[in-house]
Structure formats: C-alpha cells, structure tokens
C-alpha cells in the first residue's frame, strides 16, 4: 500500500503594512527655544520639565505662535493657572523670536472639523438624522441626560452624538450638560495637566476623584474642544 503525503498549499504571503508615520508641522527652531525656556523655569522651581508644560503644549505654541495672552490661553495645555504663572515669560520668548525672525507666521493646520471623514460629515449634517435631533434638543437648553430621557437613549449615546458633532465643527449648546462647577474645574485641570482635550480619557479619569464619571469627562472634553475652536 503506497502512502501519499499531502502538503497544505502555502498561502500567498501578505505584504506587511508599513507603519504610518504621523507628521506634525510646527516651527522647530521656536520649539527648541521654548524647550530651553521650559528647562530653565523647571530648574528654578526644582520640578520636572513637564510640570511647566508638556511637549504637546510647546509644539502647539510653535505651531500657532501666539502673540498675546488671549491667544496664549488657547494653547492646548494652558489653563488659567499656567497662563498666570508662565504666560508672560513664554510670550516674551516668542516675541523675541518674532523680532529676530519677522517673517514668521503660524503654521497652518487642518481644522478639527476636517479630521473626520466626508461620510461622517454628511451623516451629522443631514436634516432629520439622529444627530440633528439631539442637537435640536440640546440647543433648546436641555441637558444630555434630559435629551437621553426624551429620546429613549442612554446618556453615553447622546454624548457620542455630541462628540461627533463637535469633531465635525458643528456648534451645540453644552452648558446645561456640564457637571457642577467643582467637578468641572477638577476635570479641566486634569486635561490641562495631561496636555489638553486630545489627552487620553483613561489618563484623565485616573487623575480625578471617584465621584467623577467618564460621562462627565467626555462632556467637558467636548466643551473644551468647542470652546478652544480650531486655528485657521
């Protein structure tokens, strides 16, 4: 009896996907000067450099090149406290750089709205869509929980609608949905420390008190994103 050996056909080897490099555009020379200033301040205060500002905040400064305290206050990671503590020194450094490089302009970047896919934008903007229904109720002054009750949906779903609308640049009334002031202040400070609204929710959640929920953090993040706006 002759034995046959069957071999499994080899599958065609799939090409490996290359890592997609994330490119960020900012003024490298200004960024390095701001890093040196941050290091000097950190040494004066005897604290780690990131306590002053993290790299994300410095990149945002080097990208948007704020000229005054109002513009500086819109930088990711700059809250009221850090604006008071460090704003003038960083603005002075930026002004000195601009004096030496008078042709410097802010580096243009895509708006927050343009990060989403066209299909998402169409869905969000379509009249009668679930997003537009949520927006209409929120703009009437209802909170996210009230909208959820009215529509028979979960609060998390309503906040997901809010996040989608904000990411597409659609203005929506969020004040009634925000947590009470003491919680809101804690959450904003946590985002400030973590690098701004684009920080990981898990990082923010781990740094706040136990009575603050993920929903609280998500709605505050949406509010911060909408309030900060997108540079053009």
Foldseek 3Di string as FASTA:
>chain_A
DDDDDDDDDDDDDDDDDDDDDDDDDFQPVQLVLVQVVLVVVCVVVVHDSVVLPDSQQSRQCRQQVDQDLVSNCLGFLRHPVSSVVPVVVSNVSSVVVCVVVVVDHHHDDDWLLVVDDPVLLCQCPDPPHPLVQLQVVQQVVDELCVSCVVVVHDSVVSLVSLVSCLSNVHDGRHVSHADDDVQLVLLQNLSSSQGHLVGDLVSSVVRDDPVDDSSNNSSSSSVSSNVSGTDD
